[in-house]
Structures are given as structure tokens and as C-alpha cells.
């Protein structure tokens, strides 16, 4: 989706990580984050959990409050990423929705 230009305000870091920038909204403090992790198959579910744990450790080390964790298992063959799309469409991430 990034390569097709379908994610507005996105940039790719030299490491390959894609960062989505969003206009500042007054909904949440700057030190809050949402985490998204994906693997391509159910066989890699353990890897999905490791990804989430690494992202949590990274966020906590920087003092960021994790308000939402989205995990997805889906093939890389298509662009179907319902949890990622839902996360990007959220206008506000409520603290009550935290699944961390």
C-alpha cells in the first residue's frame, strides 16, 4: 500500500520501516502510541507475539504509553490489512480500548 501511494503522509526510513505521520489532534498526548504487528501465516504466530513484545519494550523504554495493540495474520500477496486500515482510520484512540 505504501509503494502504491495509498497511505497519505507516510515515509520510509532507511531501515525499511514505514512511518505514518498524522496531523496533530487534541485527542491524545504526544507520548501515546498504538502498536501494529503482522505476520503472513498462522505458523508464524509465535513470531507475531515476539514482534509485539519488542515493540512494547521499545515504547516503554522511551516512556510512551501504549493505548492500543493491533495484531494481524495475513498473506503478503494482497493488501488486505483490515486491522491496520481500522487503526489508521480511528479519529481517537480511547484509553479504554487498550489491549496492551
N, C-alpha and C. Protein backbone atom coordinates (compact mmCIF):
# COMPACT_ATOMS: atom_id res chain seq x y z
N UNK A 1 0.82 -1.18 0.00
CA UNK A 1 0.00 0.00 0.00
C UNK A 1 0.87 1.26 0.00
N UNK A 2 1.98 1.22 0.73
CA UNK A 2 2.89 2.36 0.77
C UNK A 2 3.47 2.62 -0.63
N UNK A 3 3.92 1.55 -1.28
CA UNK A 3 4.53 1.69 -2.60
C UNK A 3 3.54 2.23 -3.63
N UNK A 4 2.26 1.93 -3.44
CA UNK A 4 1.22 2.40 -4.35
C UNK A 4 0.74 3.81 -4.01
N UNK A 5 1.29 4.39 -2.95
CA UNK A 5 0.91 5.73 -2.55
C UNK A 5 -0.46 5.81 -1.88
N UNK A 6 -0.92 4.70 -1.31
CA UNK A 6 -2.25 4.65 -0.71
C UNK A 6 -2.28 5.07 0.75
N UNK A 7 -1.11 5.34 1.34
CA UNK A 7 -1.07 5.76 2.73
C UNK A 7 -0.57 7.21 2.75
N UNK A 8 -1.49 8.15 2.96
CA UNK A 8 -1.07 9.55 2.96
C UNK A 8 -0.16 9.86 4.14
N UNK A 9 0.71 10.83 3.94
CA UNK A 9 1.62 11.28 4.99
C UNK A 9 2.52 10.17 5.53
N UNK A 10 2.97 9.26 4.66
CA UNK A 10 3.85 8.17 5.08
C UNK A 10 5.24 8.38 4.48
N UNK A 11 6.24 7.91 5.22
CA UNK A 11 7.60 7.95 4.70
C UNK A 11 8.30 6.66 5.11
N UNK A 12 9.31 6.30 4.34
CA UNK A 12 10.05 5.08 4.64
C UNK A 12 11.44 5.45 5.15
N UNK A 13 11.80 4.86 6.29
CA UNK A 13 13.11 5.10 6.87
C UNK A 13 14.15 4.24 6.15
N UNK A 14 15.43 4.55 6.29
CA UNK A 14 16.47 3.75 5.64
C UNK A 14 16.45 2.27 6.07
N UNK A 15 15.88 1.99 7.24
CA UNK A 15 15.80 0.61 7.72
C UNK A 15 14.68 -0.17 7.04
N UNK A 16 13.82 0.52 6.30
CA UNK A 16 12.69 -0.12 5.66
C UNK A 16 11.38 0.10 6.40
N UNK A 17 11.46 0.56 7.64
CA UNK A 17 10.26 0.82 8.42
C UNK A 17 9.47 1.96 7.79
N UNK A 18 8.17 1.79 7.71
CA UNK A 18 7.30 2.82 7.16
C UNK A 18 6.64 3.54 8.32
N UNK A 19 6.77 4.86 8.35
CA UNK A 19 6.22 5.68 9.41
C UNK A 19 5.08 6.50 8.82
N UNK A 20 3.93 6.47 9.48
CA UNK A 20 2.78 7.23 9.03
C UNK A 20 2.64 8.45 9.93
N UNK A 21 2.77 9.61 9.34
CA UNK A 21 2.65 10.86 10.08
C UNK A 21 1.21 11.33 9.97
N UNK A 22 0.70 11.90 11.04
CA UNK A 22 -0.68 12.35 11.04
C UNK A 22 -0.72 13.74 11.63
N UNK A 23 -1.68 14.53 11.16
CA UNK A 23 -1.84 15.86 11.73
C UNK A 23 -2.10 15.73 13.22
N UNK A 24 -1.58 16.68 13.96
CA UNK A 24 -1.81 16.64 15.40
C UNK A 24 -3.27 16.87 15.69
N UNK A 25 -3.80 16.05 16.57
CA UNK A 25 -5.17 16.20 17.03
C UNK A 25 -5.10 16.37 18.53
N UNK A 26 -6.03 17.04 19.08
CA UNK A 26 -6.03 17.29 20.52
C UNK A 26 -6.51 16.09 21.32
N UNK A 27 -6.73 14.96 20.68
CA UNK A 27 -7.33 13.81 21.36
C UNK A 27 -6.40 13.19 22.41
N UNK A 28 -5.14 13.04 22.11
CA UNK A 28 -4.23 12.33 22.99
C UNK A 28 -2.92 13.07 23.15
N UNK A 29 -2.26 12.87 24.30
CA UNK A 29 -0.93 13.46 24.47
C UNK A 29 0.07 12.88 23.48
N UNK A 30 1.15 13.59 23.24
CA UNK A 30 2.15 13.15 22.27
C UNK A 30 2.88 11.88 22.68
N UNK A 31 2.85 11.54 23.94
CA UNK A 31 3.61 10.36 24.38
C UNK A 31 2.77 9.08 24.38
N UNK A 32 1.69 9.05 23.60
CA UNK A 32 0.88 7.83 23.48
C UNK A 32 1.08 7.22 22.11
N UNK A 33 1.07 5.90 22.06
CA UNK A 33 1.29 5.21 20.80
C UNK A 33 0.34 4.02 20.65
N UNK A 34 0.15 3.63 19.40
CA UNK A 34 -0.54 2.39 19.07
C UNK A 34 0.48 1.49 18.41
N UNK A 35 0.36 0.21 18.65
CA UNK A 35 1.30 -0.77 18.09
C UNK A 35 0.57 -1.64 17.07
N UNK A 36 1.21 -1.87 15.93
CA UNK A 36 0.66 -2.77 14.91
C UNK A 36 1.74 -3.78 14.53
N UNK A 37 1.37 -5.05 14.53
CA UNK A 37 2.31 -6.11 14.12
C UNK A 37 1.57 -7.09 13.23
N UNK A 38 2.28 -7.67 12.25
CA UNK A 38 1.66 -8.61 11.30
C UNK A 38 2.64 -9.69 10.91
N UNK A 39 2.12 -10.89 10.74
CA UNK A 39 2.87 -11.99 10.15
C UNK A 39 2.02 -12.57 9.03
N UNK A 40 2.65 -13.37 8.18
CA UNK A 40 1.96 -13.84 6.98
C UNK A 40 1.16 -15.13 7.15
N UNK A 41 1.42 -15.89 8.21
CA UNK A 41 0.69 -17.15 8.35
C UNK A 41 0.57 -17.55 9.81
N UNK A 42 -0.37 -18.46 10.07
CA UNK A 42 -0.58 -18.93 11.44
C UNK A 42 0.65 -19.65 11.98
N UNK A 43 1.46 -20.22 11.10
CA UNK A 43 2.69 -20.90 11.54
C UNK A 43 3.65 -19.91 12.21
N UNK A 44 3.51 -18.64 11.88
CA UNK A 44 4.40 -17.61 12.42
C UNK A 44 3.80 -16.86 13.61
N UNK A 45 2.75 -17.42 14.22
CA UNK A 45 2.08 -16.72 15.31
C UNK A 45 3.02 -16.41 16.47
N UNK A 46 3.96 -17.32 16.77
CA UNK A 46 4.94 -17.05 17.82
C UNK A 46 5.77 -15.81 17.49
N UNK A 47 6.12 -15.67 16.23
CA UNK A 47 6.88 -14.51 15.78
C UNK A 47 6.05 -13.23 15.95
N UNK A 48 4.76 -13.33 15.73
CA UNK A 48 3.87 -12.18 15.92
C UNK A 48 3.93 -11.71 17.37
N UNK A 49 3.86 -12.64 18.29
CA UNK A 49 3.92 -12.28 19.72
C UNK A 49 5.28 -11.67 20.07
N UNK A 50 6.35 -12.19 19.48
CA UNK A 50 7.68 -11.61 19.73
C UNK A 50 7.78 -10.19 19.19
N UNK A 51 7.20 -9.96 18.01
CA UNK A 51 7.19 -8.61 17.44
C UNK A 51 6.50 -7.64 18.38
N UNK A 52 5.33 -8.05 18.87
CA UNK A 52 4.56 -7.19 19.77
C UNK A 52 5.36 -6.89 21.03
N UNK A 53 5.99 -7.91 21.60
CA UNK A 53 6.78 -7.70 22.82
C UNK A 53 7.94 -6.75 22.57
N UNK A 54 8.63 -6.88 21.42
CA UNK A 54 9.74 -5.97 21.10
C UNK A 54 9.23 -4.54 20.95
N UNK A 55 8.08 -4.37 20.30
CA UNK A 55 7.53 -3.03 20.13
C UNK A 55 7.10 -2.43 21.46
N UNK A 56 6.53 -3.26 22.33
CA UNK A 56 6.16 -2.78 23.66
C UNK A 56 7.39 -2.33 24.44
N UNK A 57 8.45 -3.14 24.41
CA UNK A 57 9.68 -2.78 25.11
C UNK A 57 10.25 -1.47 24.57
N UNK A 58 10.24 -1.31 23.25
CA UNK A 58 10.74 -0.09 22.62
C UNK A 58 9.96 1.12 23.11
N UNK A 59 8.63 1.01 23.09
CA UNK A 59 7.78 2.13 23.50
C UNK A 59 7.97 2.45 24.98
N UNK A 60 7.99 1.42 25.81
CA UNK A 60 8.15 1.65 27.25
C UNK A 60 9.50 2.26 27.59
N UNK A 61 10.55 1.86 26.86
CA UNK A 61 11.89 2.40 27.11
C UNK A 61 11.94 3.89 26.82
N UNK A 62 11.06 4.36 25.97
CA UNK A 62 11.01 5.78 25.63
C UNK A 62 9.96 6.53 26.44
N UNK A 63 9.29 5.81 27.35
CA UNK A 63 8.31 6.46 28.20
C UNK A 63 6.97 6.69 27.53
N UNK A 64 6.70 6.00 26.45
CA UNK A 64 5.44 6.17 25.73
C UNK A 64 4.37 5.27 26.34
N UNK A 65 3.15 5.76 26.38
CA UNK A 65 2.01 4.99 26.88
C UNK A 65 1.37 4.27 25.70
N UNK A 66 1.28 2.95 25.80
CA UNK A 66 0.68 2.14 24.74
C UNK A 66 -0.83 2.11 24.98
N UNK A 67 -1.59 2.63 24.03
CA UNK A 67 -3.03 2.68 24.21
C UNK A 67 -3.78 1.66 23.36
N UNK A 68 -3.09 1.06 22.40
CA UNK A 68 -3.77 0.08 21.54
C UNK A 68 -2.73 -0.83 20.91
N UNK A 69 -3.05 -2.10 20.83
CA UNK A 69 -2.19 -3.07 20.16
C UNK A 69 -3.04 -3.81 19.14
N UNK A 70 -2.65 -3.75 17.88
CA UNK A 70 -3.36 -4.46 16.82
C UNK A 70 -2.43 -5.53 16.27
N UNK A 71 -2.92 -6.76 16.23
CA UNK A 71 -2.16 -7.90 15.69
C UNK A 71 -2.93 -8.46 14.51
N UNK A 72 -2.18 -8.84 13.47
CA UNK A 72 -2.84 -9.34 12.28
C UNK A 72 -2.04 -10.48 11.65
N UNK A 73 -2.76 -11.48 11.19
CA UNK A 73 -2.15 -12.57 10.43
C UNK A 73 -2.76 -12.50 9.05
N UNK A 74 -1.92 -12.29 8.04
CA UNK A 74 -2.44 -12.18 6.68
C UNK A 74 -1.34 -12.29 5.65
N UNK A 75 -1.68 -12.82 4.53
CA UNK A 75 -0.74 -13.03 3.44
C UNK A 75 -0.21 -11.71 2.91
N UNK A 76 1.01 -11.75 2.44
CA UNK A 76 1.60 -10.58 1.80
C UNK A 76 1.23 -10.47 0.34
N UNK A 77 0.46 -11.44 -0.16
CA UNK A 77 0.09 -11.47 -1.58
C UNK A 77 -0.87 -10.34 -1.93
N UNK A 78 -1.73 -9.97 -0.98
CA UNK A 78 -2.67 -8.88 -1.25
C UNK A 78 -2.49 -7.77 -0.22
N UNK A 79 -3.25 -6.72 -0.39
CA UNK A 79 -3.14 -5.57 0.52
C UNK A 79 -4.22 -5.58 1.59
N UNK A 80 -4.85 -6.70 1.83
CA UNK A 80 -5.91 -6.76 2.85
C UNK A 80 -5.28 -6.66 4.23
N UNK A 81 -5.49 -5.54 4.87
CA UNK A 81 -4.97 -5.30 6.21
C UNK A 81 -6.07 -4.63 7.03
N UNK A 82 -7.17 -5.34 7.32
CA UNK A 82 -8.31 -4.68 7.97
C UNK A 82 -7.98 -4.04 9.32
N UNK A 83 -7.13 -4.66 10.11
CA UNK A 83 -6.80 -4.07 11.42
C UNK A 83 -5.94 -2.83 11.27
N UNK A 84 -5.00 -2.84 10.32
CA UNK A 84 -4.17 -1.66 10.07
C UNK A 84 -5.03 -0.52 9.53
N UNK A 85 -5.88 -0.82 8.57
CA UNK A 85 -6.74 0.21 8.00
C UNK A 85 -7.66 0.78 9.08
N UNK A 86 -8.22 -0.09 9.91
CA UNK A 86 -9.07 0.38 11.00
C UNK A 86 -8.31 1.26 11.96
N UNK A 87 -7.08 0.90 12.26
CA UNK A 87 -6.25 1.70 13.16
C UNK A 87 -5.96 3.07 12.55
N UNK A 88 -5.65 3.11 11.27
CA UNK A 88 -5.35 4.38 10.61
C UNK A 88 -6.58 5.27 10.49
N UNK A 89 -7.75 4.67 10.44
CA UNK A 89 -8.98 5.44 10.31
C UNK A 89 -9.52 5.97 11.63
N UNK A 90 -9.03 5.46 12.73
CA UNK A 90 -9.54 5.89 14.03
C UNK A 90 -9.27 7.38 14.21
N UNK A 91 -10.31 8.11 14.58
CA UNK A 91 -10.12 9.53 14.86
C UNK A 91 -9.56 9.71 16.26
N UNK A 92 -9.97 8.86 17.18
CA UNK A 92 -9.46 8.93 18.55
C UNK A 92 -9.21 7.50 19.02
N UNK A 93 -8.11 7.30 19.67
CA UNK A 93 -7.84 6.02 20.31
C UNK A 93 -8.12 6.22 21.79
N UNK A 94 -9.13 5.58 22.27
CA UNK A 94 -9.53 5.77 23.66
C UNK A 94 -8.71 4.90 24.58
N UNK A 95 -8.37 5.41 25.73
CA UNK A 95 -7.61 4.63 26.70
C UNK A 95 -8.34 3.36 27.07
N UNK A 96 -9.66 3.38 27.05
CA UNK A 96 -10.43 2.20 27.41
C UNK A 96 -10.29 1.09 26.39
N UNK A 97 -9.79 1.39 25.19
CA UNK A 97 -9.63 0.35 24.17
C UNK A 97 -8.26 -0.31 24.23
N UNK A 98 -7.45 0.05 25.22
CA UNK A 98 -6.10 -0.50 25.32
C UNK A 98 -6.14 -2.00 25.49
N UNK A 99 -5.36 -2.70 24.64
CA UNK A 99 -5.29 -4.15 24.70
C UNK A 99 -3.87 -4.59 25.02
N UNK A 100 -3.05 -3.68 25.48
CA UNK A 100 -1.65 -3.98 25.75
C UNK A 100 -1.52 -4.89 26.95
